[in-house]
Amino acid sequence: MDKWSRSFSLIFCVRRFIVFCIIFLLIESGGLQIVVFSISNLVIFAYNGAIQPKKTREANWWMLAEEYIILLTSSLIFCFSEFLEPEARYIAGWMLCAVLSAYVLASILQ
């Protein structure tokens, strides 16, 4: 276990702090919220892929799968704003339900 793997808890806390700042400090700028949130998710996804902080290969694979689900669902959640037409939001809602249902099913079968 190298120093980057040991720093996983610290990076996890920093990520939560960034999400807190996005939610409460960037209230007036929705576009900037989307950009900062997406970049922070991509950085964590890259960190988990490169460092692989868990001990087993399967645990690292599930961590990457969960990060991908977070990226996908956060992108779908942003579709519920007024950027899209109501019909597109309806379709995005069903896609979000399908992704989350597949994730819950995979987690149960794990």
N, C-alpha and C. Protein backbone atom coordinates (compact mmCIF):
# COMPACT_ATOMS: atom_id res chain seq x y z
N MET A 1 0.85 -1.18 0.00
CA MET A 1 0.00 0.00 0.00
C MET A 1 0.90 1.24 0.00
N ASP A 2 0.79 2.06 -1.03
CA ASP A 2 1.65 3.24 -1.10
C ASP A 2 0.97 4.45 -0.47
N LYS A 3 1.68 5.57 -0.52
CA LYS A 3 1.16 6.77 0.15
C LYS A 3 -0.13 7.27 -0.47
N TRP A 4 -0.33 7.05 -1.79
CA TRP A 4 -1.56 7.52 -2.43
C TRP A 4 -2.76 6.70 -1.97
N SER A 5 -2.54 5.43 -1.75
CA SER A 5 -3.62 4.59 -1.25
C SER A 5 -3.99 4.95 0.18
N ARG A 6 -2.99 5.31 0.98
CA ARG A 6 -3.27 5.71 2.36
C ARG A 6 -3.99 7.05 2.41
N SER A 7 -3.82 7.88 1.39
CA SER A 7 -4.46 9.19 1.40
C SER A 7 -5.90 9.15 0.91
N PHE A 8 -6.44 7.96 0.68
CA PHE A 8 -7.79 7.82 0.15
C PHE A 8 -8.82 8.49 1.04
N SER A 9 -8.71 8.33 2.36
CA SER A 9 -9.67 8.94 3.29
C SER A 9 -9.62 10.46 3.22
N LEU A 10 -8.43 11.01 3.13
CA LEU A 10 -8.30 12.46 3.02
C LEU A 10 -8.91 12.96 1.72
N ILE A 11 -8.64 12.27 0.63
CA ILE A 11 -9.20 12.68 -0.66
C ILE A 11 -10.71 12.55 -0.65
N PHE A 12 -11.24 11.53 0.01
CA PHE A 12 -12.68 11.36 0.14
C PHE A 12 -13.29 12.56 0.87
N CYS A 13 -12.66 13.01 1.96
CA CYS A 13 -13.16 14.17 2.72
C CYS A 13 -13.07 15.45 1.91
N VAL A 14 -11.99 15.62 1.16
CA VAL A 14 -11.84 16.80 0.30
C VAL A 14 -12.93 16.81 -0.76
N ARG A 15 -13.24 15.64 -1.30
CA ARG A 15 -14.31 15.56 -2.29
C ARG A 15 -15.64 15.99 -1.70
N ARG A 16 -15.95 15.54 -0.50
CA ARG A 16 -17.19 15.94 0.15
C ARG A 16 -17.23 17.45 0.42
N PHE A 17 -16.09 18.02 0.77
CA PHE A 17 -16.01 19.46 0.99
C PHE A 17 -16.26 20.22 -0.32
N ILE A 18 -15.71 19.72 -1.42
CA ILE A 18 -15.94 20.36 -2.72
C ILE A 18 -17.42 20.30 -3.08
N VAL A 19 -18.06 19.16 -2.85
CA VAL A 19 -19.49 19.05 -3.13
C VAL A 19 -20.29 20.03 -2.26
N PHE A 20 -19.91 20.16 -0.99
CA PHE A 20 -20.55 21.12 -0.10
C PHE A 20 -20.41 22.54 -0.65
N CYS A 21 -19.21 22.90 -1.08
CA CYS A 21 -18.97 24.24 -1.63
C CYS A 21 -19.77 24.47 -2.90
N ILE A 22 -19.85 23.44 -3.74
CA ILE A 22 -20.62 23.58 -4.98
C ILE A 22 -22.09 23.85 -4.66
N ILE A 23 -22.62 23.12 -3.70
CA ILE A 23 -24.04 23.25 -3.39
C ILE A 23 -24.36 24.58 -2.74
N PHE A 24 -23.55 25.02 -1.78
CA PHE A 24 -23.92 26.18 -0.99
C PHE A 24 -23.24 27.48 -1.40
N LEU A 25 -22.12 27.42 -2.06
CA LEU A 25 -21.42 28.67 -2.41
C LEU A 25 -21.63 29.10 -3.86
N LEU A 26 -22.00 28.18 -4.71
CA LEU A 26 -22.21 28.51 -6.12
C LEU A 26 -23.68 28.48 -6.49
N ILE A 27 -24.52 28.96 -5.60
CA ILE A 27 -25.97 28.89 -5.82
C ILE A 27 -26.40 29.66 -7.06
N GLU A 28 -25.81 30.80 -7.28
CA GLU A 28 -26.26 31.68 -8.35
C GLU A 28 -25.72 31.31 -9.73
N SER A 29 -24.72 30.46 -9.80
CA SER A 29 -24.13 30.14 -11.10
C SER A 29 -24.23 28.65 -11.38
N GLY A 30 -25.33 28.28 -12.01
CA GLY A 30 -25.62 26.87 -12.28
C GLY A 30 -24.63 26.25 -13.26
N GLY A 31 -24.20 27.00 -14.25
CA GLY A 31 -23.25 26.46 -15.22
C GLY A 31 -21.92 26.12 -14.58
N LEU A 32 -21.48 26.99 -13.68
CA LEU A 32 -20.22 26.73 -12.98
C LEU A 32 -20.34 25.54 -12.04
N GLN A 33 -21.52 25.35 -11.44
CA GLN A 33 -21.76 24.17 -10.61
C GLN A 33 -21.57 22.90 -11.42
N ILE A 34 -22.14 22.87 -12.61
CA ILE A 34 -22.04 21.69 -13.46
C ILE A 34 -20.59 21.41 -13.83
N VAL A 35 -19.86 22.44 -14.21
CA VAL A 35 -18.47 22.27 -14.63
C VAL A 35 -17.60 21.79 -13.47
N VAL A 36 -17.71 22.44 -12.31
CA VAL A 36 -16.88 22.06 -11.17
C VAL A 36 -17.23 20.66 -10.68
N PHE A 37 -18.50 20.34 -10.63
CA PHE A 37 -18.92 19.01 -10.19
C PHE A 37 -18.43 17.93 -11.14
N SER A 38 -18.54 18.18 -12.44
CA SER A 38 -18.09 17.20 -13.43
C SER A 38 -16.58 17.01 -13.37
N ILE A 39 -15.84 18.09 -13.24
CA ILE A 39 -14.38 17.98 -13.17
C ILE A 39 -13.96 17.24 -11.90
N SER A 40 -14.59 17.55 -10.78
CA SER A 40 -14.22 16.85 -9.54
C SER A 40 -14.53 15.36 -9.64
N ASN A 41 -15.64 15.00 -10.27
CA ASN A 41 -15.97 13.58 -10.46
C ASN A 41 -14.96 12.90 -11.38
N LEU A 42 -14.56 13.57 -12.45
CA LEU A 42 -13.59 12.98 -13.36
C LEU A 42 -12.22 12.82 -12.71
N VAL A 43 -11.83 13.77 -11.86
CA VAL A 43 -10.55 13.66 -11.16
C VAL A 43 -10.57 12.47 -10.20
N ILE A 44 -11.64 12.30 -9.46
CA ILE A 44 -11.75 11.16 -8.55
C ILE A 44 -11.79 9.84 -9.32
N PHE A 45 -12.48 9.83 -10.44
CA PHE A 45 -12.53 8.63 -11.28
C PHE A 45 -11.12 8.26 -11.76
N ALA A 46 -10.37 9.26 -12.21
CA ALA A 46 -8.99 9.02 -12.66
C ALA A 46 -8.11 8.58 -11.50
N TYR A 47 -8.28 9.18 -10.34
CA TYR A 47 -7.50 8.80 -9.15
C TYR A 47 -7.75 7.34 -8.79
N ASN A 48 -9.00 6.95 -8.73
CA ASN A 48 -9.33 5.57 -8.38
C ASN A 48 -8.84 4.59 -9.43
N GLY A 49 -8.87 4.99 -10.69
CA GLY A 49 -8.38 4.11 -11.74
C GLY A 49 -6.87 3.96 -11.73
N ALA A 50 -6.17 5.05 -11.45
CA ALA A 50 -4.70 5.01 -11.48
C ALA A 50 -4.11 4.43 -10.20
N ILE A 51 -4.63 4.81 -9.05
CA ILE A 51 -4.03 4.41 -7.78
C ILE A 51 -4.55 3.06 -7.31
N GLN A 52 -5.81 2.77 -7.56
CA GLN A 52 -6.47 1.56 -7.10
C GLN A 52 -6.23 1.35 -5.60
N PRO A 53 -6.90 2.17 -4.77
CA PRO A 53 -6.61 2.17 -3.33
C PRO A 53 -7.10 0.94 -2.56
N LYS A 54 -7.96 0.15 -3.12
CA LYS A 54 -8.45 -1.04 -2.41
C LYS A 54 -7.46 -2.20 -2.57
N LYS A 55 -7.60 -3.21 -1.72
CA LYS A 55 -6.63 -4.31 -1.70
C LYS A 55 -6.84 -5.33 -2.81
N THR A 56 -8.09 -5.59 -3.16
CA THR A 56 -8.35 -6.61 -4.17
C THR A 56 -8.75 -5.97 -5.49
N ARG A 57 -8.55 -6.73 -6.55
CA ARG A 57 -8.89 -6.23 -7.88
C ARG A 57 -10.41 -6.04 -8.02
N GLU A 58 -11.16 -6.96 -7.42
CA GLU A 58 -12.62 -6.87 -7.50
C GLU A 58 -13.14 -5.62 -6.77
N ALA A 59 -12.57 -5.32 -5.61
CA ALA A 59 -12.99 -4.13 -4.86
C ALA A 59 -12.66 -2.86 -5.65
N ASN A 60 -11.52 -2.83 -6.31
CA ASN A 60 -11.17 -1.68 -7.14
C ASN A 60 -12.10 -1.57 -8.34
N TRP A 61 -12.48 -2.72 -8.92
CA TRP A 61 -13.39 -2.70 -10.05
C TRP A 61 -14.75 -2.14 -9.62
N TRP A 62 -15.25 -2.59 -8.45
CA TRP A 62 -16.54 -2.08 -7.99
C TRP A 62 -16.46 -0.60 -7.67
N MET A 63 -15.32 -0.14 -7.15
CA MET A 63 -15.17 1.28 -6.87
C MET A 63 -15.23 2.10 -8.16
N LEU A 64 -14.57 1.62 -9.21
CA LEU A 64 -14.64 2.31 -10.50
C LEU A 64 -16.04 2.27 -11.08
N ALA A 65 -16.73 1.14 -10.91
CA ALA A 65 -18.11 1.04 -11.39
C ALA A 65 -19.00 2.04 -10.65
N GLU A 66 -18.81 2.17 -9.34
CA GLU A 66 -19.60 3.13 -8.57
C GLU A 66 -19.29 4.56 -8.98
N GLU A 67 -18.03 4.86 -9.24
CA GLU A 67 -17.67 6.21 -9.71
C GLU A 67 -18.29 6.49 -11.07
N TYR A 68 -18.32 5.48 -11.94
CA TYR A 68 -18.95 5.66 -13.23
C TYR A 68 -20.45 5.91 -13.07
N ILE A 69 -21.08 5.20 -12.17
CA ILE A 69 -22.51 5.42 -11.90
C ILE A 69 -22.73 6.83 -11.38
N ILE A 70 -21.83 7.31 -10.51
CA ILE A 70 -21.94 8.68 -10.01
C ILE A 70 -21.82 9.68 -11.16
N LEU A 71 -20.86 9.46 -12.05
CA LEU A 71 -20.71 10.35 -13.21
C LEU A 71 -21.96 10.34 -14.08
N LEU A 72 -22.47 9.15 -14.34
CA LEU A 72 -23.64 9.02 -15.20
C LEU A 72 -24.89 9.63 -14.57
N THR A 73 -25.13 9.31 -13.30
CA THR A 73 -26.34 9.84 -12.66
C THR A 73 -26.26 11.35 -12.44
N SER A 74 -25.07 11.86 -12.14
CA SER A 74 -24.96 13.32 -11.97
C SER A 74 -25.20 14.03 -13.29
N SER A 75 -24.75 13.43 -14.38
CA SER A 75 -25.04 14.02 -15.69
C SER A 75 -26.54 13.98 -15.99
N LEU A 76 -27.18 12.88 -15.63
CA LEU A 76 -28.61 12.78 -15.87
C LEU A 76 -29.40 13.73 -14.97
N ILE A 77 -28.94 13.93 -13.75
CA ILE A 77 -29.64 14.84 -12.84
C ILE A 77 -29.60 16.27 -13.37
N PHE A 78 -28.48 16.65 -13.98
CA PHE A 78 -28.41 17.99 -14.56
C PHE A 78 -29.36 18.17 -15.73
N CYS A 79 -29.83 17.07 -16.30
CA CYS A 79 -30.80 17.14 -17.40
C CYS A 79 -32.17 17.60 -16.92
N PHE A 80 -32.42 17.59 -15.62
CA PHE A 80 -33.72 17.99 -15.11
C PHE A 80 -33.86 19.50 -14.95
N SER A 81 -32.86 20.26 -15.33
CA SER A 81 -32.96 21.71 -15.27
C SER A 81 -33.70 22.21 -16.51
N GLU A 82 -33.80 23.50 -16.63
CA GLU A 82 -34.56 24.04 -17.75
C GLU A 82 -33.76 24.08 -19.04
N PHE A 83 -32.60 23.40 -19.09
CA PHE A 83 -31.81 23.34 -20.31
C PHE A 83 -32.49 22.49 -21.37
N LEU A 84 -33.28 21.52 -20.94
CA LEU A 84 -33.92 20.59 -21.87
C LEU A 84 -35.42 20.79 -21.92
N GLU A 85 -36.00 20.32 -22.98
CA GLU A 85 -37.45 20.34 -23.13
C GLU A 85 -38.08 19.32 -22.17
N PRO A 86 -39.35 19.50 -21.83
CA PRO A 86 -40.00 18.56 -20.89
C PRO A 86 -39.97 17.11 -21.34
N GLU A 87 -40.12 16.85 -22.64
CA GLU A 87 -40.09 15.47 -23.10
C GLU A 87 -38.71 14.84 -22.92
N ALA A 88 -37.66 15.62 -23.14
CA ALA A 88 -36.30 15.12 -22.95
C ALA A 88 -36.04 14.86 -21.46
N ARG A 89 -36.60 15.71 -20.59
CA ARG A 89 -36.46 15.48 -19.15
C ARG A 89 -37.18 14.20 -18.74
N TYR A 90 -38.32 13.93 -19.36
CA TYR A 90 -39.07 12.71 -19.08
C TYR A 90 -38.24 11.48 -19.44
N ILE A 91 -37.62 11.51 -20.60
CA ILE A 91 -36.78 10.39 -21.03
C ILE A 91 -35.56 10.26 -20.12
N ALA A 92 -34.97 11.38 -19.73
CA ALA A 92 -33.82 11.35 -18.81
C ALA A 92 -34.23 10.75 -17.46
N GLY A 93 -35.44 11.02 -17.03
CA GLY A 93 -35.93 10.45 -15.77
C GLY A 93 -36.02 8.94 -15.84
N TRP A 94 -36.51 8.42 -16.96
CA TRP A 94 -36.59 6.97 -17.11
C TRP A 94 -35.20 6.36 -17.22
N MET A 95 -34.30 7.06 -17.88
CA MET A 95 -32.92 6.56 -17.95
C MET A 95 -32.29 6.53 -16.57
N LEU A 96 -32.54 7.54 -15.76
CA LEU A 96 -32.01 7.59 -14.41
C LEU A 96 -32.57 6.44 -13.57
N CYS A 97 -33.86 6.19 -13.71
CA CYS A 97 -34.47 5.06 -12.98
C CYS A 97 -33.85 3.74 -13.41
N ALA A 98 -33.59 3.56 -14.69
CA ALA A 98 -33.00 2.31 -15.18
C ALA A 98 -31.57 2.14 -14.67
N VAL A 99 -30.78 3.20 -14.70
CA VAL A 99 -29.39 3.12 -14.24
C VAL A 99 -29.35 2.81 -12.75
N LEU A 100 -30.15 3.51 -11.97
CA LEU A 100 -30.15 3.26 -10.53
C LEU A 100 -30.69 1.88 -10.18
N SER A 101 -31.68 1.40 -10.92
CA SER A 101 -32.21 0.06 -10.68
C SER A 101 -31.16 -1.00 -11.00
N ALA A 102 -30.43 -0.82 -12.09
CA ALA A 102 -29.37 -1.77 -12.45
C ALA A 102 -28.26 -1.75 -11.40
N TYR A 103 -27.94 -0.56 -10.89
CA TYR A 103 -26.91 -0.46 -9.86
C TYR A 103 -27.34 -1.14 -8.56
N VAL A 104 -28.58 -0.92 -8.15
CA VAL A 104 -29.08 -1.57 -6.93
C VAL A 104 -29.10 -3.08 -7.09
N LEU A 105 -29.54 -3.55 -8.24
CA LEU A 105 -29.56 -4.99 -8.50
C LEU A 105 -28.15 -5.57 -8.48
N ALA A 106 -27.20 -4.89 -9.10
CA ALA A 106 -25.81 -5.37 -9.11
C ALA A 106 -25.22 -5.36 -7.69
N SER A 107 -25.58 -4.37 -6.90
CA SER A 107 -25.08 -4.30 -5.52
C SER A 107 -25.66 -5.43 -4.67
N ILE A 108 -26.90 -5.76 -4.89
CA ILE A 108 -27.52 -6.85 -4.15
C ILE A 108 -26.87 -8.19 -4.54
N LEU A 109 -26.60 -8.38 -5.82
CA LEU A 109 -26.03 -9.64 -6.28
C LEU A 109 -24.53 -9.75 -6.03
N GLN A 110 -23.91 -8.69 -5.63
CA GLN A 110 -22.46 -8.68 -5.40
C GLN A 110 -22.09 -9.56 -4.33
